[in-house]
PDB file of N, CA and C in Angstrom:
ATOM      1  N   MET A   1      -5.564  11.091   7.347  1.00  0.00           N
ATOM      2  CA  MET A   1      -5.816  10.108   6.305  1.00  0.00           C
ATOM      3  C   MET A   1      -5.483   8.725   6.853  1.00  0.00           C
ATOM      4  N   LYS A   2      -6.213   7.750   6.357  1.00  0.00           N
ATOM      5  CA  LYS A   2      -6.058   6.375   6.817  1.00  0.00           C
ATOM      6  C   LYS A   2      -5.701   5.486   5.629  1.00  0.00           C
ATOM      7  N   CYS A   3      -4.786   4.542   5.857  1.00  0.00           N
ATOM      8  CA  CYS A   3      -4.409   3.599   4.809  1.00  0.00           C
ATOM      9  C   CYS A   3      -5.581   2.660   4.519  1.00  0.00           C
ATOM     10  N   PRO A   4      -5.942   2.500   3.247  1.00  0.00           N
ATOM     11  CA  PRO A   4      -7.053   1.612   2.912  1.00  0.00           C
ATOM     12  C   PRO A   4      -6.749   0.143   3.200  1.00  0.00           C
ATOM     13  N   ARG A   5      -5.468  -0.252   3.172  1.00  0.00           N
ATOM     14  CA  ARG A   5      -5.129  -1.664   3.326  1.00  0.00           C
ATOM     15  C   ARG A   5      -4.952  -2.089   4.780  1.00  0.00           C
ATOM     16  N   CYS A   6      -4.313  -1.251   5.612  1.00  0.00           N
ATOM     17  CA  CYS A   6      -4.062  -1.691   6.994  1.00  0.00           C
ATOM     18  C   CYS A   6      -4.676  -0.775   8.045  1.00  0.00           C
ATOM     19  N   ASP A   7      -5.382   0.256   7.626  1.00  0.00           N
ATOM     20  CA  ASP A   7      -6.062   1.208   8.517  1.00  0.00           C
ATOM     21  C   ASP A   7      -5.111   2.027   9.385  1.00  0.00           C
ATOM     22  N   SER A   8      -3.841   2.066   9.051  1.00  0.00           N
ATOM     23  CA  SER A   8      -2.875   2.873   9.790  1.00  0.00           C
ATOM     24  C   SER A   8      -3.125   4.353   9.520  1.00  0.00           C
ATOM     25  N   GLU A   9      -2.860   5.175  10.512  1.00  0.00           N
ATOM     26  CA  GLU A   9      -2.985   6.628  10.361  1.00  0.00           C
ATOM     27  C   GLU A   9      -1.654   7.234   9.903  1.00  0.00           C
ATOM     28  N   SER A  10      -0.639   6.406   9.745  1.00  0.00           N
ATOM     29  CA  SER A  10       0.693   6.867   9.370  1.00  0.00           C
ATOM     30  C   SER A  10       0.852   6.840   7.848  1.00  0.00           C
ATOM     31  N   VAL A  11       0.343   7.870   7.192  1.00  0.00           N
ATOM     32  CA  VAL A  11       0.355   7.972   5.732  1.00  0.00           C
ATOM     33  C   VAL A  11       1.053   9.268   5.347  1.00  0.00           C
ATOM     34  N   SER A  12       1.901   9.199   4.339  1.00  0.00           N
ATOM     35  CA  SER A  12       2.578  10.406   3.878  1.00  0.00           C
ATOM     36  C   SER A  12       2.347  10.605   2.382  1.00  0.00           C
ATOM     37  N   VAL A  13       2.531  11.826   1.947  1.00  0.00           N
ATOM     38  CA  VAL A  13       2.424  12.142   0.518  1.00  0.00           C
ATOM     39  C   VAL A  13       3.776  11.820  -0.095  1.00  0.00           C
ATOM     40  N   MET A  14       3.781  10.921  -1.075  1.00  0.00           N
ATOM     41  CA  MET A  14       5.020  10.533  -1.731  1.00  0.00           C
ATOM     42  C   MET A  14       5.407  11.551  -2.799  1.00  0.00           C
ATOM     43  N   VAL A  15       4.431  11.956  -3.597  1.00  0.00           N
ATOM     44  CA  VAL A  15       4.687  12.903  -4.688  1.00  0.00           C
ATOM     45  C   VAL A  15       3.384  13.594  -5.069  1.00  0.00           C
ATOM     46  N   LYS A  16       3.515  14.813  -5.582  1.00  0.00           N
ATOM     47  CA  LYS A  16       2.360  15.567  -6.070  1.00  0.00           C
ATOM     48  C   LYS A  16       2.548  15.843  -7.551  1.00  0.00           C
ATOM     49  N   SER A  17       1.449  16.097  -8.235  1.00  0.00           N
ATOM     50  CA  SER A  17       1.536  16.390  -9.665  1.00  0.00           C
ATOM     51  C   SER A  17       2.422  17.623  -9.875  1.00  0.00           C
ATOM     52  N   PRO A  18       3.242  17.593 -10.929  1.00  0.00           N
ATOM     53  CA  PRO A  18       4.168  18.702 -11.158  1.00  0.00           C
ATOM     54  C   PRO A  18       3.471  20.009 -11.575  1.00  0.00           C
ATOM     55  N   VAL A  19       2.259  19.907 -12.095  1.00  0.00           N
ATOM     56  CA  VAL A  19       1.521  21.100 -12.517  1.00  0.00           C
ATOM     57  C   VAL A  19       0.162  21.090 -11.830  1.00  0.00           C
ATOM     58  N   GLY A  20      -0.118  22.120 -11.068  1.00  0.00           N
ATOM     59  CA  GLY A  20      -1.412  22.208 -10.402  1.00  0.00           C
ATOM     60  C   GLY A  20      -1.554  21.165  -9.308  1.00  0.00           C
ATOM     61  N   ASP A  21      -2.756  21.029  -8.828  1.00  0.00           N
ATOM     62  CA  ASP A  21      -3.064  20.025  -7.801  1.00  0.00           C
ATOM     63  C   ASP A  21      -3.926  18.939  -8.422  1.00  0.00           C
ATOM     64  N   GLU A  22      -3.427  18.307  -9.476  1.00  0.00           N
ATOM     65  CA  GLU A  22      -4.202  17.319 -10.217  1.00  0.00           C
ATOM     66  C   GLU A  22      -4.282  15.970  -9.495  1.00  0.00           C
ATOM     67  N   TRP A  23      -3.187  15.559  -8.848  1.00  0.00           N
ATOM     68  CA  TRP A  23      -3.158  14.255  -8.185  1.00  0.00           C
ATOM     69  C   TRP A  23      -2.042  14.225  -7.150  1.00  0.00           C
ATOM     70  N   GLU A  24      -2.117  13.250  -6.264  1.00  0.00           N
ATOM     71  CA  GLU A  24      -1.069  12.977  -5.283  1.00  0.00           C
ATOM     72  C   GLU A  24      -0.921  11.473  -5.181  1.00  0.00           C
ATOM     73  N   VAL A  25       0.253  11.034  -4.789  1.00  0.00           N
ATOM     74  CA  VAL A  25       0.484   9.622  -4.518  1.00  0.00           C
ATOM     75  C   VAL A  25       0.821   9.513  -3.034  1.00  0.00           C
ATOM     76  N   TYR A  26       0.125   8.626  -2.351  1.00  0.00           N
ATOM     77  CA  TYR A  26       0.291   8.440  -0.913  1.00  0.00           C
ATOM     78  C   TYR A  26       1.016   7.125  -0.639  1.00  0.00           C
ATOM     79  N   LEU A  27       1.727   7.089   0.489  1.00  0.00           N
ATOM     80  CA  LEU A  27       2.443   5.890   0.909  1.00  0.00           C
ATOM     81  C   LEU A  27       2.147   5.631   2.374  1.00  0.00           C
ATOM     82  N   CYS A  28       1.734   4.410   2.666  1.00  0.00           N
ATOM     83  CA  CYS A  28       1.521   4.018   4.058  1.00  0.00           C
ATOM     84  C   CYS A  28       2.877   3.662   4.657  1.00  0.00           C
ATOM     85  N   ASP A  29       3.218   4.308   5.757  1.00  0.00           N
ATOM     86  CA  ASP A  29       4.495   4.050   6.412  1.00  0.00           C
ATOM     87  C   ASP A  29       4.496   2.729   7.169  1.00  0.00           C
ATOM     88  N   THR A  30       3.332   2.132   7.351  1.00  0.00           N
ATOM     89  CA  THR A  30       3.228   0.875   8.086  1.00  0.00           C
ATOM     90  C   THR A  30       3.325  -0.335   7.175  1.00  0.00           C
ATOM     91  N   CYS A  31       2.487  -0.396   6.138  1.00  0.00           N
ATOM     92  CA  CYS A  31       2.457  -1.585   5.269  1.00  0.00           C
ATOM     93  C   CYS A  31       3.057  -1.341   3.881  1.00  0.00           C
ATOM     94  N   LYS A  32       3.479  -0.090   3.626  1.00  0.00           N
ATOM     95  CA  LYS A  32       4.117   0.300   2.355  1.00  0.00           C
ATOM     96  C   LYS A  32       3.176   0.252   1.152  1.00  0.00           C
ATOM     97  N   PHE A  33       1.881   0.231   1.378  1.00  0.00           N
ATOM     98  CA  PHE A  33       0.904   0.305   0.299  1.00  0.00           C
ATOM     99  C   PHE A  33       0.914   1.726  -0.259  1.00  0.00           C
ATOM    100  N   SER A  34       0.821   1.861  -1.570  1.00  0.00           N
ATOM    101  CA  SER A  34       0.749   3.191  -2.172  1.00  0.00           C
ATOM    102  C   SER A  34      -0.473   3.264  -3.079  1.00  0.00           C
ATOM    103  N   TRP A  35      -1.037   4.467  -3.190  1.00  0.00           N
ATOM    104  CA  TRP A  35      -2.212   4.669  -4.035  1.00  0.00           C
ATOM    105  C   TRP A  35      -2.271   6.122  -4.476  1.00  0.00           C
ATOM    106  N   ARG A  36      -2.967   6.344  -5.571  1.00  0.00           N
ATOM    107  CA  ARG A  36      -3.129   7.689  -6.125  1.00  0.00           C
ATOM    108  C   ARG A  36      -4.450   8.302  -5.649  1.00  0.00           C
ATOM    109  N   SER A  37      -4.456   9.596  -5.554  1.00  0.00           N
ATOM    110  CA  SER A  37      -5.682  10.297  -5.145  1.00  0.00           C
ATOM    111  C   SER A  37      -6.771  10.157  -6.194  1.00  0.00           C
ATOM    112  N   THR A  38      -6.404   9.785  -7.410  1.00  0.00           N
ATOM    113  CA  THR A  38      -7.374   9.660  -8.497  1.00  0.00           C
ATOM    114  C   THR A  38      -7.983   8.262  -8.599  1.00  0.00           C
ATOM    115  N   GLU A  39      -7.575   7.346  -7.717  1.00  0.00           N
ATOM    116  CA  GLU A  39      -8.130   5.984  -7.713  1.00  0.00           C
ATOM    117  C   GLU A  39      -9.594   6.041  -7.294  1.00  0.00           C
ATOM    118  N   GLY A  40     -10.335   4.995  -7.614  1.00  0.00           N
ATOM    119  CA  GLY A  40     -11.731   4.891  -7.202  1.00  0.00           C
ATOM    120  C   GLY A  40     -11.848   4.638  -5.708  1.00  0.00           C
ATOM    121  N   GLU A  41     -13.048   4.802  -5.190  1.00  0.00           N
ATOM    122  CA  GLU A  41     -13.286   4.597  -3.759  1.00  0.00           C
ATOM    123  C   GLU A  41     -12.979   3.176  -3.305  1.00  0.00           C
ATOM    124  N   ASN A  42     -13.042   2.210  -4.218  1.00  0.00           N
ATOM    125  CA  ASN A  42     -12.733   0.831  -3.830  1.00  0.00           C
ATOM    126  C   ASN A  42     -11.250   0.682  -3.462  1.00  0.00           C
ATOM    127  N   ILE A  43     -10.421   1.668  -3.811  1.00  0.00           N
ATOM    128  CA  ILE A  43      -9.016   1.669  -3.435  1.00  0.00           C
ATOM    129  C   ILE A  43      -8.734   2.697  -2.346  1.00  0.00           C
ATOM    130  N   THR A  44      -9.334   3.864  -2.416  1.00  0.00           N
ATOM    131  CA  THR A  44      -9.000   4.956  -1.501  1.00  0.00           C
ATOM    132  C   THR A  44      -9.768   4.947  -0.182  1.00  0.00           C
ATOM    133  N   ASP A  45     -10.922   4.348  -0.148  1.00  0.00           N
ATOM    134  CA  ASP A  45     -11.758   4.348   1.056  1.00  0.00           C
ATOM    135  C   ASP A  45     -11.547   3.054   1.838  1.00  0.00           C
ATOM    136  N   PRO A  46     -11.002   3.130   3.058  1.00  0.00           N
ATOM    137  CA  PRO A  46     -10.751   1.917   3.849  1.00  0.00           C
ATOM    138  C   PRO A  46     -11.995   1.045   4.066  1.00  0.00           C
ATOM    139  N   GLU A  47     -13.163   1.670   4.115  1.00  0.00           N
ATOM    140  CA  GLU A  47     -14.399   0.916   4.327  1.00  0.00           C
ATOM    141  C   GLU A  47     -14.815   0.138   3.078  1.00  0.00           C
ATOM    142  N   LYS A  48     -14.408   0.627   1.909  1.00  0.00           N
ATOM    143  CA  LYS A  48     -14.792  -0.020   0.650  1.00  0.00           C
ATOM    144  C   LYS A  48     -13.675  -0.872   0.051  1.00  0.00           C
ATOM    145  N   TYR A  49     -12.492  -0.828   0.670  1.00  0.00           N
ATOM    146  CA  TYR A  49     -11.361  -1.631   0.190  1.00  0.00           C
ATOM    147  C   TYR A  49     -11.694  -3.110   0.376  1.00  0.00           C
ATOM    148  N   ASP A  50     -11.366  -3.934  -0.595  1.00  0.00           N
ATOM    149  CA  ASP A  50     -11.691  -5.364  -0.570  1.00  0.00           C
ATOM    150  C   ASP A  50     -11.115  -6.027   0.693  1.00  0.00           C
ATOM    151  N   LYS A  51     -11.989  -6.555   1.526  1.00  0.00           N
ATOM    152  CA  LYS A  51     -11.597  -7.151   2.813  1.00  0.00           C
ATOM    153  C   LYS A  51     -10.613  -8.308   2.645  1.00  0.00           C
ATOM    154  N   ARG A  52     -10.628  -8.966   1.493  1.00  0.00           N
ATOM    155  CA  ARG A  52      -9.702 -10.091   1.274  1.00  0.00           C
ATOM    156  C   ARG A  52      -8.251  -9.636   1.243  1.00  0.00           C
ATOM    157  N   PHE A  53      -8.030  -8.354   0.972  1.00  0.00           N
ATOM    158  CA  PHE A  53      -6.667  -7.845   0.848  1.00  0.00           C
ATOM    159  C   PHE A  53      -6.237  -6.970   2.021  1.00  0.00           C
ATOM    160  N   LYS A  54      -7.090  -6.878   3.029  1.00  0.00           N
ATOM    161  CA  LYS A  54      -6.752  -6.096   4.217  1.00  0.00           C
ATOM    162  C   LYS A  54      -5.617  -6.778   4.985  1.00  0.00           C
ATOM    163  N   LEU A  55      -4.769  -5.965   5.625  1.00  0.00           N
ATOM    164  CA  LEU A  55      -3.677  -6.475   6.445  1.00  0.00           C
ATOM    165  C   LEU A  55      -3.827  -5.953   7.866  1.00  0.00           C
ATOM    166  N   ASN A  56      -3.397  -6.774   8.812  1.00  0.00           N
ATOM    167  CA  ASN A  56      -3.395  -6.382  10.208  1.00  0.00           C
ATOM    168  C   ASN A  56      -1.941  -6.196  10.629  1.00  0.00           C
ATOM    169  N   PRO A  57      -1.515  -4.960  10.953  1.00  0.00           N
ATOM    170  CA  PRO A  57      -0.120  -4.719  11.317  1.00  0.00           C
ATOM    171  C   PRO A  57       0.379  -5.581  12.481  1.00  0.00           C
ATOM    172  N   GLU A  58      -0.509  -6.008  13.359  1.00  0.00           N
ATOM    173  CA  GLU A  58      -0.103  -6.845  14.486  1.00  0.00           C
ATOM    174  C   GLU A  58       0.343  -8.235  14.035  1.00  0.00           C
ATOM    175  N   GLU A  59      -0.010  -8.611  12.811  1.00  0.00           N
ATOM    176  CA  GLU A  59       0.340  -9.938  12.297  1.00  0.00           C
ATOM    177  C   GLU A  59       1.514  -9.908  11.315  1.00  0.00           C
ATOM    178  N   PHE A  60       2.135  -8.757  11.114  1.00  0.00           N
ATOM    179  CA  PHE A  60       3.221  -8.647  10.142  1.00  0.00           C
ATOM    180  C   PHE A  60       4.370  -9.599  10.433  1.00  0.00           C
ATOM    181  N   ASP A  61       4.687  -9.802  11.694  1.00  0.00           N
ATOM    182  CA  ASP A  61       5.788 -10.706  12.056  1.00  0.00           C
ATOM    183  C   ASP A  61       5.494 -12.153  11.683  1.00  0.00           C
ATOM    184  N   LYS A  62       4.242 -12.495  11.531  1.00  0.00           N
ATOM    185  CA  LYS A  62       3.844 -13.866  11.210  1.00  0.00           C
ATOM    186  C   LYS A  62       3.769 -14.128   9.706  1.00  0.00           C
ATOM    187  N   LEU A  63       3.833 -13.064   8.905  1.00  0.00           N
ATOM    188  CA  LEU A  63       3.724 -13.237   7.465  1.00  0.00           C
ATOM    189  C   LEU A  63       4.952 -13.945   6.916  1.00  0.00           C
ATOM    190  N   ASP A  64       4.754 -14.676   5.829  1.00  0.00           N
ATOM    191  CA  ASP A  64       5.868 -15.366   5.181  1.00  0.00           C
ATOM    192  C   ASP A  64       6.885 -14.357   4.674  1.00  0.00           C
ATOM    193  N   LYS A  65       8.113 -14.786   4.693  1.00  0.00           N
ATOM    194  CA  LYS A  65       9.188 -13.966   4.146  1.00  0.00           C
ATOM    195  C   LYS A  65       9.287 -14.233   2.646  1.00  0.00           C
ATOM    196  N   ILE A  66       9.907 -13.320   1.934  1.00  0.00           N
ATOM    197  CA  ILE A  66      10.115 -13.521   0.506  1.00  0.00           C
ATOM    198  C   ILE A  66      11.106 -14.666   0.340  1.00  0.00           C
ATOM    199  N   PRO A  67      10.749 -15.670  -0.449  1.00  0.00           N
ATOM    200  CA  PRO A  67      11.650 -16.816  -0.590  1.00  0.00           C
ATOM    201  C   PRO A  67      12.924 -16.429  -1.351  1.00  0.00           C
ATOM    202  N   PRO A  68      14.022 -17.103  -1.065  1.00  0.00           N
ATOM    203  CA  PRO A  68      15.252 -16.796  -1.781  1.00  0.00           C
ATOM    204  C   PRO A  68      15.156 -17.197  -3.245  1.00  0.00           C
ATOM    205  N   ILE A  69      15.930 -16.539  -4.062  1.00  0.00           N
ATOM    206  CA  ILE A  69      15.964 -16.878  -5.483  1.00  0.00           C
ATOM    207  C   ILE A  69      16.872 -18.092  -5.647  1.00  0.00           C
ATOM    208  N   PRO A  70      16.379 -19.145  -6.300  1.00  0.00           N
ATOM    209  CA  PRO A  70      17.196 -20.350  -6.454  1.00  0.00           C
ATOM    210  C   PRO A  70      18.367 -20.077  -7.399  1.00  0.00           C
ATOM    211  N   PRO A  71      19.405 -20.898  -7.322  1.00  0.00           N
ATOM    212  CA  PRO A  71      20.555 -20.722  -8.227  1.00  0.00           C
ATOM    213  C   PRO A  71      20.120 -20.895  -9.676  1.00  0.00           C
ATOM    214  N   LEU A  72      20.808 -20.199 -10.552  1.00  0.00           N
ATOM    215  CA  LEU A  72      20.515 -20.315 -11.976  1.00  0.00           C
ATOM    216  C   LEU A  72      20.894 -21.691 -12.476  1.00  0.00           C
ATOM    217  N   LEU A  73      20.116 -22.186 -13.436  1.00  0.00           N
ATOM    218  CA  LEU A  73      20.427 -23.482 -14.044  1.00  0.00           C
ATOM    219  C   LEU A  73      21.574 -23.301 -15.033  1.00  0.00           C
ATOM    220  N   LYS A  74      22.480 -24.229 -15.024  1.00  0.00           N
ATOM    221  CA  LYS A  74      23.587 -24.178 -15.981  1.00  0.00           C
ATOM    222  C   LYS A  74      23.107 -24.728 -17.306  1.00  0.00           C
ATOM    223  N   LYS A  75      23.546 -24.095 -18.372  1.00  0.00           N
ATOM    224  CA  LYS A  75      23.149 -24.540 -19.730  1.00  0.00           C
ATOM    225  C   LYS A  75      24.051 -25.632 -20.218  1.00  0.00           C
TER     226      LYS A  75
END
């Protein structure tokens, strides 16, 4: 299986439906994207995933970091 967002082959099953084989949730070990097996092809198929949201793992080090939370305002 391939991650729809970063095309990594490193994907694991996070959880399966508790009854039967109704659905699974997958997690990409590279970009941490998760998706359900019941999603449409625009989410599950790497070729149909919106190109604007694709990530390149080689560029992860260049991505912005999460900004710090500013101090709370005093009332």
